[in-house]
Amino acid sequence: METISISLDTVWVLLATTLVFLMQAGFALVETGLTRTKNTGNIIMKNFLDFAIGSVLFWIVGYSLMFGLDVAGIVGFPDFFSDNSYNKTIPDAAFLMFQTVFAATAATIVSGAVAERTNFEAYILFSAAITLFIYPISGHWIWGGGWLSQLETPFHDFAGSTAVHSVGAWASLVGVIMVGPRLGKYNGKANAIPGHNLGMAALGVFILWFGWFGFNAGSQLAASGEENAKMISHIFLTTNLGGAAGLLSALAVTWIKYKRPGISLSLNGALAGLVGVTAGCDVISPSGAVLIGTIVGIVMVFAVEFIDQKLRFDDPVGAISVHGVGGILGTLLVGIFATKGGLLYNGGFSLLISQLIGIVTVGIWVIASSFVVFKIIDKLVGLRVPKRVEEEGLDLYEHGETAYN
């Protein structure tokens, strides 16, 4: 029976790994669909390299920095070229692979935010940095036995609203500010620069939604036994309800606010809802998932407008609003809606305070480290492409071929 349990758990984790890997395709489709044809190939290459570079560098050292022997609650002890398992219920390579696809997801979020004007070499260097140490160090605090998991009331982020999505969003925010807006985006007013294929973006959202079941339920890291079976089933349900509620609430807001049921904002509403329930998908009820998805979906719509028109940060795909606002709110709302320890369930404020501490400290770490990395990269190769390259398209100048002939 023990052998069967290990086999079942391993197969489940590897199946979940493939689902999360497929999310790379979803991100690629969303990002290309919401941007212009002349930069399609460039975005495709960035998504491929996020995973390829991330796989190698995370294996070399990022994995051990995240899950290695704890050093003062800050970082794991570096163990180069390691595939040692830091989860004893499944084989070493299975746990490493599952964590690798998560690391690649954090890096990919940045791609869409800085799309259409960023030097390809500069992006590759930053993608390497986020996988190598930015994501693993804050990830260690949460999942690797670091200081956030050692709080009297431990910080709770089951599958990565903060550990993955907010990390990608904070890095995106720094990148967007430092690279600057696309040409023609702000000429006295904020001008819309429509993407070229909403059908492609919609397919990407469907793929991401599909992959999210592996992202969240796979984080249980086991499927054998009655308790694990109940838990992954529960996580499937809360994940799906969060995404559905996010889409419906964003749709309702756009319909009321703009007199039309907006397509792109509704698609991002689904993603925001999924991001929102990721932190607490294991400890919230189905009704809690609907409430979190609804709240996040509504706020996301206003966040997109505020970031674009008031702050004038040019984020072509809404990554900061979806993954940042969604990640922050979703993580914070665990302190309210968690059925054990949540404010609404007589748990007091201790969990809510721990969630707030985690959100703030991870944000400070990622903003500071990303700023330093972007600054160094700017000095080395330059963050932004020349004006002519941006006008005529990164595909032609950066890669020598275009996605559409």
Protein backbone atom coordinates (compact mmCIF):
# COMPACT_ATOMS: atom_id res chain seq x y z
CA MET A 1 0.00 0.00 0.00
CA GLU A 2 2.87 2.36 0.76
CA THR A 3 4.34 1.75 -2.68
CA ILE A 4 0.99 2.39 -4.32
CA SER A 5 0.59 5.65 -2.34
CA ILE A 6 4.02 6.90 -3.41
CA SER A 7 3.31 5.99 -7.03
CA LEU A 8 -0.08 7.70 -6.98
CA ASP A 9 1.30 10.83 -5.33
CA THR A 10 4.16 11.00 -7.81
CA VAL A 11 1.93 10.56 -10.84
CA TRP A 12 -0.40 13.28 -9.53
CA VAL A 13 2.44 15.75 -8.95
CA LEU A 14 3.92 15.08 -12.39
CA LEU A 15 0.49 15.43 -14.01
CA ALA A 16 0.03 18.74 -12.20
CA THR A 17 3.51 19.73 -13.40
CA THR A 18 2.48 19.23 -17.02
CA LEU A 19 -0.65 21.32 -16.45
CA VAL A 20 1.41 24.18 -15.01
CA PHE A 21 3.91 23.86 -17.86
CA LEU A 22 1.03 24.29 -20.30
CA MET A 23 0.34 27.66 -18.64
CA GLN A 24 3.45 28.93 -20.46
CA ALA A 25 1.48 28.47 -23.68
CA GLY A 26 -1.45 30.29 -22.11
CA PHE A 27 0.71 33.24 -21.13
CA ALA A 28 2.25 33.34 -24.62
CA LEU A 29 -1.19 33.47 -26.26
CA VAL A 30 -2.57 36.10 -23.88
CA GLU A 31 0.47 38.33 -24.31
CA THR A 32 0.63 38.03 -28.10
CA GLY A 33 -3.13 38.48 -28.48
CA LEU A 34 -3.17 41.67 -26.41
CA THR A 35 -0.22 43.23 -28.27
CA ARG A 36 0.53 44.10 -31.90
CA THR A 37 1.44 41.79 -34.77
CA LYS A 38 4.89 43.32 -35.28
CA ASN A 39 6.07 42.06 -31.86
CA THR A 40 4.49 38.59 -31.82
CA GLY A 41 7.66 36.61 -32.48
CA ASN A 42 9.53 38.55 -29.83
CA ILE A 43 6.94 37.71 -27.19
CA ILE A 44 6.90 34.04 -28.22
CA MET A 45 10.69 33.86 -27.83
CA LYS A 46 10.57 35.50 -24.41
CA ASN A 47 8.06 32.94 -23.17
CA PHE A 48 10.14 30.05 -24.46
CA LEU A 49 13.31 31.45 -22.91
CA ASP A 50 11.61 32.11 -19.57
CA PHE A 51 11.10 28.38 -19.27
CA ALA A 52 14.37 27.21 -20.84
CA ILE A 53 16.63 29.59 -18.91
CA GLY A 54 14.56 29.21 -15.77
CA SER A 55 14.76 25.40 -15.90
CA VAL A 56 18.55 25.40 -16.01
CA LEU A 57 19.24 28.20 -13.52
CA PHE A 58 16.63 27.03 -11.02
CA TRP A 59 18.21 23.57 -11.09
CA ILE A 60 21.74 24.98 -10.73
CA VAL A 61 21.11 27.08 -7.62
CA GLY A 62 17.63 28.66 -7.34
CA TYR A 63 16.04 25.43 -6.11
CA SER A 64 18.43 25.09 -3.18
CA LEU A 65 18.19 28.80 -2.30
CA MET A 66 14.44 28.29 -2.02
CA PHE A 67 14.22 24.88 -0.34
CA GLY A 68 17.71 24.19 1.05
CA LEU A 69 18.72 24.06 4.69
CA ASP A 70 17.42 27.27 6.27
CA VAL A 71 20.01 29.97 6.98
CA ALA A 72 18.72 32.45 9.60
CA GLY A 73 15.21 32.31 8.13
CA ILE A 74 16.38 34.28 5.08
CA VAL A 75 17.63 31.84 2.45
CA GLY A 76 18.29 28.19 1.81
CA PHE A 77 21.89 26.99 1.88
CA PRO A 78 23.14 26.86 -1.73
CA ASP A 79 23.61 23.34 -3.07
CA PHE A 80 24.67 23.63 -6.70
CA PHE A 81 23.24 21.30 -9.36
CA SER A 82 20.98 19.75 -6.77
CA ASP A 83 17.96 17.55 -7.28
CA ASN A 84 17.69 16.60 -3.61
CA SER A 85 14.08 16.35 -2.55
CA TYR A 86 12.88 18.73 0.11
CA ASN A 87 9.61 16.80 0.19
CA LYS A 88 10.06 13.24 1.37
CA THR A 89 6.79 11.81 0.09
CA ILE A 90 7.70 11.94 -3.62
CA PRO A 91 10.93 11.33 -5.58
CA ASP A 92 13.56 14.07 -5.81
CA ALA A 93 13.12 14.81 -9.51
CA ALA A 94 9.32 15.05 -9.23
CA PHE A 95 9.46 17.79 -6.60
CA LEU A 96 12.18 19.65 -8.50
CA MET A 97 10.14 19.58 -11.71
CA PHE A 98 7.01 20.82 -9.96
CA GLN A 99 8.89 23.72 -8.42
CA THR A 100 10.63 24.52 -11.72
CA VAL A 101 7.37 25.22 -13.56
CA PHE A 102 6.34 27.56 -10.73
CA ALA A 103 9.59 29.50 -11.00
CA ALA A 104 9.07 29.91 -14.74
CA THR A 105 5.57 31.28 -14.14
CA ALA A 106 6.90 34.09 -11.93
CA ALA A 107 9.35 35.11 -14.66
CA THR A 108 6.79 35.00 -17.47
CA ILE A 109 4.48 37.53 -15.79
CA VAL A 110 7.08 40.25 -16.42
CA SER A 111 7.16 39.51 -20.15
CA GLY A 112 3.73 40.93 -20.93
CA ALA A 113 4.12 44.02 -18.77
CA VAL A 114 7.29 45.24 -20.54
CA ALA A 115 6.26 44.03 -23.99
CA GLU A 116 6.79 45.88 -27.29
CA ARG A 117 9.69 48.13 -26.30
CA THR A 118 12.21 46.17 -24.23
CA ASN A 119 15.63 45.09 -25.46
CA PHE A 120 15.62 41.29 -25.90
CA GLU A 121 19.04 40.89 -24.29
CA ALA A 122 17.93 42.95 -21.31
CA TYR A 123 14.81 40.85 -20.85
CA ILE A 124 16.79 37.61 -20.94
CA LEU A 125 19.14 38.89 -18.25
CA PHE A 126 16.26 39.91 -15.99
CA SER A 127 14.45 36.62 -16.55
CA ALA A 128 17.63 34.87 -15.43
CA ALA A 129 17.90 37.05 -12.31
CA ILE A 130 14.32 36.53 -11.15
CA THR A 131 14.64 32.75 -11.47
CA LEU A 132 18.13 32.63 -10.01
CA PHE A 133 17.58 34.53 -6.76
CA ILE A 134 14.71 37.09 -6.63
CA TYR A 135 11.90 34.52 -6.65
CA PRO A 136 13.75 31.77 -4.70
CA ILE A 137 14.71 33.99 -1.75
CA SER A 138 11.21 35.32 -1.02
CA GLY A 139 9.89 31.85 -1.86
CA HIS A 140 12.12 30.44 0.88
CA TRP A 141 10.50 32.76 3.41
CA ILE A 142 7.08 31.30 2.55
CA TRP A 143 7.58 27.69 1.41
CA GLY A 144 11.16 26.80 2.28
CA GLY A 145 10.98 27.08 6.07
CA GLY A 146 11.98 30.76 6.20
CA TRP A 147 10.90 33.46 8.64
CA LEU A 148 7.37 34.03 7.32
CA SER A 149 6.53 30.38 7.92
CA GLN A 150 8.02 30.70 11.43
CA LEU A 151 5.70 33.50 12.60
CA GLU A 152 3.54 32.70 15.62
CA THR A 153 0.64 32.63 13.19
CA PRO A 154 2.36 31.45 10.00
CA PHE A 155 1.86 33.36 6.78
CA HIS A 156 -0.48 31.33 4.55
CA ASP A 157 -0.02 31.21 0.79
CA PHE A 158 -0.93 27.73 -0.32
CA ALA A 159 -0.14 27.92 -4.03
CA GLY A 160 1.40 31.32 -4.67
CA SER A 161 -0.82 34.43 -4.81
CA THR A 162 2.14 36.24 -3.24
CA ALA A 163 5.01 33.76 -3.66
CA VAL A 164 4.54 33.59 -7.45
CA HIS A 165 2.03 36.11 -8.77
CA SER A 166 2.82 39.14 -6.64
CA VAL A 167 6.53 38.56 -7.14
CA GLY A 168 6.02 38.69 -10.90
CA ALA A 169 3.80 41.75 -10.56
CA TRP A 170 6.17 43.74 -8.33
CA ALA A 171 9.01 43.02 -10.75
CA SER A 172 6.71 44.05 -13.62
CA LEU A 173 5.93 47.35 -11.89
CA VAL A 174 9.61 48.20 -11.59
CA GLY A 175 10.25 47.15 -15.18
CA VAL A 176 7.36 49.19 -16.57
CA ILE A 177 8.51 52.33 -14.75
CA MET A 178 12.15 51.96 -15.75
CA VAL A 179 11.55 51.00 -19.40
CA GLY A 180 8.91 53.69 -19.88
CA PRO A 181 5.70 53.70 -21.95
CA ARG A 182 5.43 52.67 -25.59
CA LEU A 183 5.70 55.37 -28.23
CA GLY A 184 2.39 57.15 -28.71
CA LYS A 185 0.86 55.77 -25.51
CA TYR A 186 0.71 59.10 -23.69
CA ASN A 187 0.35 62.22 -25.82
CA GLY A 188 -1.47 64.51 -23.43
CA LYS A 189 -3.93 61.71 -22.74
CA ALA A 190 -3.73 57.95 -22.35
CA ASN A 191 -4.21 56.39 -25.77
CA ALA A 192 -5.44 52.83 -26.22
CA ILE A 193 -3.11 50.58 -28.22
CA PRO A 194 -5.35 47.60 -29.03
CA GLY A 195 -4.03 44.07 -29.27
CA HIS A 196 -4.27 42.30 -32.60
CA ASN A 197 -6.14 39.11 -31.73
CA LEU A 198 -8.66 38.77 -28.89
CA GLY A 199 -9.43 35.22 -30.01
CA MET A 200 -5.82 34.28 -29.34
CA ALA A 201 -5.97 36.00 -25.94
CA ALA A 202 -9.21 34.20 -25.07
CA LEU A 203 -7.68 30.82 -25.95
CA GLY A 204 -4.75 31.72 -23.73
CA VAL A 205 -7.08 32.43 -20.81
CA PHE A 206 -8.82 29.08 -21.30
CA ILE A 207 -5.43 27.33 -21.25
CA LEU A 208 -4.36 29.24 -18.14
CA TRP A 209 -7.63 28.37 -16.39
CA PHE A 210 -7.10 24.72 -17.32
CA GLY A 211 -3.52 24.78 -16.06
CA TRP A 212 -4.54 26.48 -12.83
CA PHE A 213 -6.14 23.26 -11.59
CA GLY A 214 -2.65 21.76 -11.58
CA PHE A 215 -1.16 24.95 -10.16
CA ASN A 216 -3.42 24.94 -7.11
CA ALA A 217 -4.46 21.34 -6.56
CA GLY A 218 -0.99 20.09 -7.44
CA SER A 219 0.37 22.10 -4.52
CA GLN A 220 -1.19 19.51 -2.20
CA LEU A 221 1.71 17.31 -3.44
CA ALA A 222 -0.29 14.16 -2.79
CA ALA A 223 -3.42 12.38 -4.03
CA SER A 224 -3.37 9.09 -2.13
CA GLY A 225 -5.71 8.50 0.78
CA GLU A 226 -9.11 9.88 1.61
CA GLU A 227 -7.93 13.18 3.07
CA ASN A 228 -5.77 14.07 0.06
CA ALA A 229 -8.54 13.07 -2.32
CA LYS A 230 -10.99 15.34 -0.50
CA MET A 231 -8.50 18.22 -0.43
CA ILE A 232 -7.59 18.22 -4.12
CA SER A 233 -11.29 17.95 -4.99
CA HIS A 234 -12.03 20.92 -2.73
CA ILE A 235 -9.21 22.93 -4.32
CA PHE A 236 -10.52 22.17 -7.82
CA LEU A 237 -13.88 23.56 -6.75
CA THR A 238 -12.62 26.73 -5.06
CA THR A 239 -10.20 27.42 -7.92
CA ASN A 240 -12.92 27.15 -10.53
CA LEU A 241 -15.41 29.26 -8.56
CA GLY A 242 -12.81 31.98 -8.00
CA GLY A 243 -12.07 32.24 -11.72
CA ALA A 244 -15.75 32.20 -12.67
CA ALA A 245 -16.65 34.87 -10.10
CA GLY A 246 -13.74 37.04 -11.23
CA LEU A 247 -14.89 36.91 -14.84
CA LEU A 248 -18.54 37.60 -14.00
CA SER A 249 -17.79 40.50 -11.67
CA ALA A 250 -15.37 42.14 -14.13
CA LEU A 251 -17.94 41.69 -16.89
CA ALA A 252 -20.64 43.32 -14.74
CA VAL A 253 -18.45 46.29 -13.89
CA THR A 254 -17.45 46.95 -17.50
CA TRP A 255 -21.06 46.63 -18.61
CA ILE A 256 -22.21 49.18 -16.04
CA LYS A 257 -19.20 51.49 -16.25
CA TYR A 258 -18.61 51.51 -20.01
CA LYS A 259 -22.12 50.52 -21.19
CA ARG A 260 -20.67 47.43 -22.91
CA PRO A 261 -19.64 43.96 -21.72
CA GLY A 262 -15.89 44.39 -22.26
CA ILE A 263 -13.97 41.41 -23.63
CA SER A 264 -10.35 41.98 -22.60
CA LEU A 265 -11.25 43.15 -19.09
CA SER A 266 -13.56 40.16 -18.63
CA LEU A 267 -10.75 37.81 -19.67
CA ASN A 268 -8.44 39.50 -17.17
CA GLY A 269 -11.21 39.24 -14.58
CA ALA A 270 -11.07 35.46 -14.86
CA LEU A 271 -7.31 35.49 -14.39
CA ALA A 272 -7.54 37.92 -11.46
CA GLY A 273 -10.10 35.69 -9.76
CA LEU A 274 -7.84 32.69 -10.22
CA VAL A 275 -4.88 34.61 -8.80
CA GLY A 276 -7.03 35.75 -5.88
CA VAL A 277 -8.10 32.28 -4.69
CA THR A 278 -4.65 30.75 -5.13
CA ALA A 279 -3.38 31.74 -1.66
CA GLY A 280 -6.29 30.27 0.27
CA CYS A 281 -7.82 27.68 -2.07
CA ASP A 282 -7.22 25.00 0.58
CA VAL A 283 -8.69 26.87 3.56
CA ILE A 284 -11.63 28.82 2.14
CA SER A 285 -15.15 27.56 1.53
CA PRO A 286 -16.74 27.54 -1.94
CA SER A 287 -18.77 30.64 -0.99
CA GLY A 288 -15.55 32.27 0.23
CA ALA A 289 -13.97 31.55 -3.16
CA VAL A 290 -16.88 33.25 -4.92
CA LEU A 291 -16.60 36.30 -2.66
CA ILE A 292 -12.82 36.56 -3.15
CA GLY A 293 -13.14 36.15 -6.92
CA THR A 294 -15.88 38.77 -7.03
CA ILE A 295 -13.93 41.30 -4.96
CA VAL A 296 -10.75 40.82 -6.95
CA GLY A 297 -12.57 40.96 -10.30
CA ILE A 298 -14.22 44.27 -9.42
CA VAL A 299 -11.09 45.92 -8.05
CA MET A 300 -9.01 44.72 -11.01
CA VAL A 301 -11.12 46.74 -13.48
CA PHE A 302 -10.59 49.96 -11.55
CA ALA A 303 -6.91 49.13 -11.02
CA VAL A 304 -6.33 48.80 -14.78
CA GLU A 305 -7.82 52.25 -15.38
CA PHE A 306 -5.98 53.83 -12.44
CA ILE A 307 -2.59 52.40 -13.40
CA ASP A 308 -3.03 53.27 -17.07
CA GLN A 309 -4.65 56.71 -16.89
CA LYS A 310 -3.69 58.16 -13.50
CA LEU A 311 -0.26 56.68 -12.80
CA ARG A 312 0.52 56.43 -16.54
CA PHE A 313 2.34 53.13 -16.24
CA ASP A 314 2.10 51.37 -19.59
CA ASP A 315 1.23 47.72 -18.95
CA PRO A 316 -0.01 46.30 -22.29
CA VAL A 317 -1.62 43.17 -20.84
CA GLY A 318 -2.70 44.36 -17.37
CA ALA A 319 -0.21 42.09 -15.61
CA ILE A 320 0.25 44.43 -12.64
CA SER A 321 -3.49 44.65 -12.03
CA VAL A 322 -4.18 40.94 -12.53
CA HIS A 323 -1.22 39.43 -10.70
CA GLY A 324 -0.36 42.30 -8.36
CA VAL A 325 -3.76 43.54 -7.21
CA GLY A 326 -5.17 40.01 -7.45
CA GLY A 327 -2.25 38.55 -5.51
CA ILE A 328 -2.31 41.19 -2.78
CA LEU A 329 -6.07 41.09 -2.24
CA GLY A 330 -6.25 37.31 -2.47
CA THR A 331 -3.50 36.88 0.10
CA LEU A 332 -4.99 39.46 2.45
CA LEU A 333 -8.50 38.02 2.19
CA VAL A 334 -7.25 34.66 3.48
CA GLY A 335 -7.06 36.39 6.85
CA ILE A 336 -10.78 37.11 6.58
CA PHE A 337 -12.26 34.10 4.79
CA ALA A 338 -10.09 31.19 6.02
CA THR A 339 -12.38 28.72 7.74
CA LYS A 340 -9.67 28.15 10.37
CA GLY A 341 -8.16 31.36 11.73
CA GLY A 342 -10.07 33.78 9.49
CA LEU A 343 -11.64 36.91 10.94
CA LEU A 344 -15.14 35.87 9.85
CA TYR A 345 -14.69 32.51 11.58
CA ASN A 346 -13.79 33.92 15.01
CA GLY A 347 -10.08 33.63 14.32
CA GLY A 348 -9.21 37.17 15.36
CA PHE A 349 -6.71 39.41 13.62
CA SER A 350 -3.52 37.34 13.98
CA LEU A 351 -3.74 35.62 10.57
CA LEU A 352 -4.75 38.87 8.88
CA ILE A 353 -1.70 40.62 10.39
CA SER A 354 0.61 37.80 9.28
CA GLN A 355 -0.80 38.04 5.75
CA LEU A 356 -0.19 41.79 5.70
CA ILE A 357 3.39 41.35 6.94
CA GLY A 358 4.09 38.84 4.18
CA ILE A 359 2.59 41.02 1.46
CA VAL A 360 4.58 44.10 2.48
CA THR A 361 7.94 42.41 3.04
CA VAL A 362 7.83 40.39 -0.18
CA GLY A 363 6.88 43.57 -2.04
CA ILE A 364 9.80 45.50 -0.55
CA TRP A 365 12.25 42.70 -1.40
CA VAL A 366 11.13 42.30 -5.00
CA ILE A 367 10.94 46.04 -5.72
CA ALA A 368 14.41 46.68 -4.26
CA SER A 369 16.13 43.70 -5.88
CA SER A 370 14.40 44.24 -9.23
CA PHE A 371 15.41 47.91 -9.26
CA VAL A 372 19.06 47.02 -8.70
CA VAL A 373 18.98 44.31 -11.37
CA PHE A 374 17.21 46.49 -13.96
CA LYS A 375 19.67 49.32 -13.22
CA ILE A 376 22.67 47.06 -13.79
CA ILE A 377 21.15 45.64 -16.98
CA ASP A 378 20.45 49.15 -18.26
CA LYS A 379 24.11 50.04 -17.78
CA LEU A 380 25.28 46.85 -19.47
CA VAL A 381 23.04 46.52 -22.54
CA GLY A 382 20.28 49.16 -22.24
CA LEU A 383 16.69 48.38 -21.32
CA ARG A 384 14.96 49.94 -24.30
CA VAL A 385 15.17 49.42 -28.04
CA PRO A 386 15.80 52.43 -30.33
CA LYS A 387 12.82 54.41 -31.62
CA ARG A 388 13.02 52.99 -35.14
CA VAL A 389 13.05 49.41 -33.86
CA GLU A 390 9.99 50.05 -31.70
CA GLU A 391 8.13 51.72 -34.57
CA GLU A 392 8.82 49.00 -37.13
CA GLY A 393 8.62 46.05 -34.75
CA LEU A 394 10.91 43.99 -32.55
CA ASP A 395 10.35 40.87 -34.65
CA LEU A 396 12.20 42.24 -37.66
CA TYR A 397 15.07 43.96 -35.88
CA GLU A 398 15.63 41.67 -32.90
CA HIS A 399 15.03 38.32 -34.63
CA GLY A 400 15.27 38.91 -38.38
CA GLU A 401 11.89 37.31 -39.09
CA THR A 402 8.24 38.07 -38.43
CA ALA A 403 5.36 35.99 -37.14
CA TYR A 404 3.03 37.19 -39.90
CA ASN A 405 4.07 37.45 -43.55
